[in-house]
Amino acid sequence: MRFNKKQKRSPLHGFLASVLLFVVIVAFFVIGISVVGKGTTKRQQEALENAVTRCITECYAEEGRYPESVIYLIENYGLRFNEDRFYVDYRVSGSNVRPEFTVVCQEDE
């Protein structure tokens, strides 16, 4: 066994190993960016839900009635959000009943 010659690996083997390692690293990077992006969108959605709730409460406290639409909150209570990214489904049951709303993300991620 001492005098057996070791087989040399071809340069192609090292190249393929390097390419495979590069592809794996890039894949992990892309997956990581995707996960972080989805978490950011979720936090933005939660922040918008909190802002709408706060504006509804402020309107009721100041005017003694609930707002009739999201547009009223935008125009009178400074509600701001990315309308291309989020949709606020706002349902009013009456002026003395707290409205229900749902925030929906419109982008496919």
C-alpha atoms as a PDB file:
ATOM      1  CA  MET A   1       0.000   0.000   0.000  1.00  0.00           C
ATOM      2  CA  ARG A   2       2.858   2.390   0.609  1.00  0.00           C
ATOM      3  CA  PHE A   3       3.949   2.382  -2.963  1.00  0.00           C
ATOM      4  CA  ASN A   4       0.553   2.726  -4.614  1.00  0.00           C
ATOM      5  CA  LYS A   5       0.177   5.901  -6.560  1.00  0.00           C
ATOM      6  CA  LYS A   6      -2.728   8.118  -5.625  1.00  0.00           C
ATOM      7  CA  GLN A   7      -5.015   9.075  -8.425  1.00  0.00           C
ATOM      8  CA  LYS A   8      -5.002  12.764  -9.182  1.00  0.00           C
ATOM      9  CA  ARG A   9      -8.332  14.531  -9.287  1.00  0.00           C
ATOM     10  CA  SER A  10      -9.108  16.322 -12.472  1.00  0.00           C
ATOM     11  CA  PRO A  11      -9.323  20.135 -12.432  1.00  0.00           C
ATOM     12  CA  LEU A  12     -12.932  19.738 -13.562  1.00  0.00           C
ATOM     13  CA  HIS A  13     -13.820  18.156 -10.201  1.00  0.00           C
ATOM     14  CA  GLY A  14     -12.630  21.236  -8.282  1.00  0.00           C
ATOM     15  CA  PHE A  15     -14.455  23.571 -10.662  1.00  0.00           C
ATOM     16  CA  LEU A  16     -17.730  21.684 -10.307  1.00  0.00           C
ATOM     17  CA  ALA A  17     -17.405  21.714  -6.509  1.00  0.00           C
ATOM     18  CA  SER A  18     -16.864  25.490  -6.574  1.00  0.00           C
ATOM     19  CA  VAL A  19     -19.862  26.064  -8.829  1.00  0.00           C
ATOM     20  CA  LEU A  20     -22.064  23.871  -6.634  1.00  0.00           C
ATOM     21  CA  LEU A  21     -20.968  25.743  -3.505  1.00  0.00           C
ATOM     22  CA  PHE A  22     -21.700  29.082  -5.212  1.00  0.00           C
ATOM     23  CA  VAL A  23     -25.191  27.935  -6.252  1.00  0.00           C
ATOM     24  CA  VAL A  24     -25.987  26.756  -2.710  1.00  0.00           C
ATOM     25  CA  ILE A  25     -24.851  30.079  -1.210  1.00  0.00           C
ATOM     26  CA  VAL A  26     -26.918  32.089  -3.714  1.00  0.00           C
ATOM     27  CA  ALA A  27     -29.982  29.912  -3.021  1.00  0.00           C
ATOM     28  CA  PHE A  28     -29.698  30.503   0.745  1.00  0.00           C
ATOM     29  CA  PHE A  29     -29.296  34.240   0.115  1.00  0.00           C
ATOM     30  CA  VAL A  30     -32.426  34.415  -2.073  1.00  0.00           C
ATOM     31  CA  ILE A  31     -34.489  32.392   0.408  1.00  0.00           C
ATOM     32  CA  GLY A  32     -33.301  34.621   3.266  1.00  0.00           C
ATOM     33  CA  ILE A  33     -34.271  37.806   1.407  1.00  0.00           C
ATOM     34  CA  SER A  34     -37.719  36.350   0.678  1.00  0.00           C
ATOM     35  CA  VAL A  35     -38.330  35.464   4.330  1.00  0.00           C
ATOM     36  CA  VAL A  36     -37.236  38.909   5.521  1.00  0.00           C
ATOM     37  CA  GLY A  37     -39.459  40.596   2.914  1.00  0.00           C
ATOM     38  CA  LYS A  38     -42.535  38.657   4.000  1.00  0.00           C
ATOM     39  CA  GLY A  39     -41.880  39.521   7.635  1.00  0.00           C
ATOM     40  CA  THR A  40     -41.590  43.214   6.758  1.00  0.00           C
ATOM     41  CA  THR A  41     -44.883  43.150   4.852  1.00  0.00           C
ATOM     42  CA  LYS A  42     -46.614  41.496   7.802  1.00  0.00           C
ATOM     43  CA  ARG A  43     -45.303  44.176  10.176  1.00  0.00           C
ATOM     44  CA  GLN A  44     -46.451  46.935   7.800  1.00  0.00           C
ATOM     45  CA  GLN A  45     -49.899  45.361   7.627  1.00  0.00           C
ATOM     46  CA  GLU A  46     -50.107  45.207  11.432  1.00  0.00           C
ATOM     47  CA  ALA A  47     -48.975  48.848  11.696  1.00  0.00           C
ATOM     48  CA  LEU A  48     -51.701  49.896   9.239  1.00  0.00           C
ATOM     49  CA  GLU A  49     -54.335  47.968  11.216  1.00  0.00           C
ATOM     50  CA  ASN A  50     -53.223  49.778  14.382  1.00  0.00           C
ATOM     51  CA  ALA A  51     -53.298  53.157  12.590  1.00  0.00           C
ATOM     52  CA  VAL A  52     -56.843  52.603  11.278  1.00  0.00           C
ATOM     53  CA  THR A  53     -58.014  51.553  14.756  1.00  0.00           C
ATOM     54  CA  ARG A  54     -56.388  54.631  16.283  1.00  0.00           C
ATOM     55  CA  CYS A  55     -57.985  56.963  13.690  1.00  0.00           C
ATOM     56  CA  ILE A  56     -61.440  55.401  14.197  1.00  0.00           C
ATOM     57  CA  THR A  57     -61.143  55.855  17.968  1.00  0.00           C
ATOM     58  CA  GLU A  58     -59.887  59.428  17.619  1.00  0.00           C
ATOM     59  CA  CYS A  59     -62.749  60.321  15.269  1.00  0.00           C
ATOM     60  CA  TYR A  60     -65.333  58.890  17.673  1.00  0.00           C
ATOM     61  CA  ALA A  61     -63.763  60.720  20.627  1.00  0.00           C
ATOM     62  CA  GLU A  62     -63.719  64.078  18.829  1.00  0.00           C
ATOM     63  CA  GLU A  63     -66.957  63.936  16.819  1.00  0.00           C
ATOM     64  CA  GLY A  64     -69.144  61.508  18.770  1.00  0.00           C
ATOM     65  CA  ARG A  65     -69.660  59.299  15.709  1.00  0.00           C
ATOM     66  CA  TYR A  66     -67.675  56.800  13.738  1.00  0.00           C
ATOM     67  CA  PRO A  67     -66.198  57.735  10.341  1.00  0.00           C
ATOM     68  CA  GLU A  68     -68.210  56.702   7.305  1.00  0.00           C
ATOM     69  CA  SER A  69     -65.222  55.679   5.153  1.00  0.00           C
ATOM     70  CA  VAL A  70     -61.478  55.248   4.948  1.00  0.00           C
ATOM     71  CA  ILE A  71     -61.391  58.319   2.702  1.00  0.00           C
ATOM     72  CA  TYR A  72     -62.787  60.361   5.606  1.00  0.00           C
ATOM     73  CA  LEU A  73     -59.938  59.100   7.801  1.00  0.00           C
ATOM     74  CA  ILE A  74     -57.389  59.980   5.109  1.00  0.00           C
ATOM     75  CA  GLU A  75     -58.767  63.481   4.586  1.00  0.00           C
ATOM     76  CA  ASN A  76     -59.465  64.417   8.221  1.00  0.00           C
ATOM     77  CA  TYR A  77     -57.262  62.287  10.473  1.00  0.00           C
ATOM     78  CA  GLY A  78     -54.022  61.973   8.531  1.00  0.00           C
ATOM     79  CA  LEU A  79     -54.224  58.270   7.766  1.00  0.00           C
ATOM     80  CA  ARG A  80     -51.545  57.455   5.186  1.00  0.00           C
ATOM     81  CA  PHE A  81     -50.686  54.131   3.591  1.00  0.00           C
ATOM     82  CA  ASN A  82     -49.469  52.678   0.310  1.00  0.00           C
ATOM     83  CA  GLU A  83     -52.694  52.139  -1.616  1.00  0.00           C
ATOM     84  CA  ASP A  84     -50.843  50.145  -4.285  1.00  0.00           C
ATOM     85  CA  ARG A  85     -49.711  47.632  -1.675  1.00  0.00           C
ATOM     86  CA  PHE A  86     -52.606  47.507   0.803  1.00  0.00           C
ATOM     87  CA  TYR A  87     -56.380  47.594   0.530  1.00  0.00           C
ATOM     88  CA  VAL A  88     -58.552  48.496   3.517  1.00  0.00           C
ATOM     89  CA  ASP A  89     -61.980  46.825   3.381  1.00  0.00           C
ATOM     90  CA  TYR A  90     -64.114  49.107   5.567  1.00  0.00           C
ATOM     91  CA  ARG A  91     -67.684  48.113   6.555  1.00  0.00           C
ATOM     92  CA  VAL A  92     -70.036  50.497   8.366  1.00  0.00           C
ATOM     93  CA  SER A  93     -73.120  49.198  10.198  1.00  0.00           C
ATOM     94  CA  GLY A  94     -74.337  52.551  11.512  1.00  0.00           C
ATOM     95  CA  SER A  95     -73.067  55.850  12.877  1.00  0.00           C
ATOM     96  CA  ASN A  96     -73.122  54.576  16.479  1.00  0.00           C
ATOM     97  CA  VAL A  97     -71.674  51.090  15.765  1.00  0.00           C
ATOM     98  CA  ARG A  98     -67.926  50.659  15.490  1.00  0.00           C
ATOM     99  CA  PRO A  99     -67.046  49.855  11.859  1.00  0.00           C
ATOM    100  CA  GLU A 100     -65.289  46.631  10.950  1.00  0.00           C
ATOM    101  CA  PHE A 101     -62.283  46.691   8.678  1.00  0.00           C
ATOM    102  CA  THR A 102     -59.777  44.322   7.175  1.00  0.00           C
ATOM    103  CA  VAL A 103     -56.359  45.175   5.757  1.00  0.00           C
ATOM    104  CA  VAL A 104     -55.384  43.084   2.754  1.00  0.00           C
ATOM    105  CA  CYS A 105     -51.977  42.988   1.094  1.00  0.00           C
ATOM    106  CA  GLN A 106     -52.442  43.270  -2.683  1.00  0.00           C
ATOM    107  CA  GLU A 107     -48.956  42.207  -3.754  1.00  0.00           C
ATOM    108  CA  ASP A 108     -48.028  38.598  -4.420  1.00  0.00           C
ATOM    109  CA  GLU A 109     -44.704  37.899  -2.768  1.00  0.00           C
END
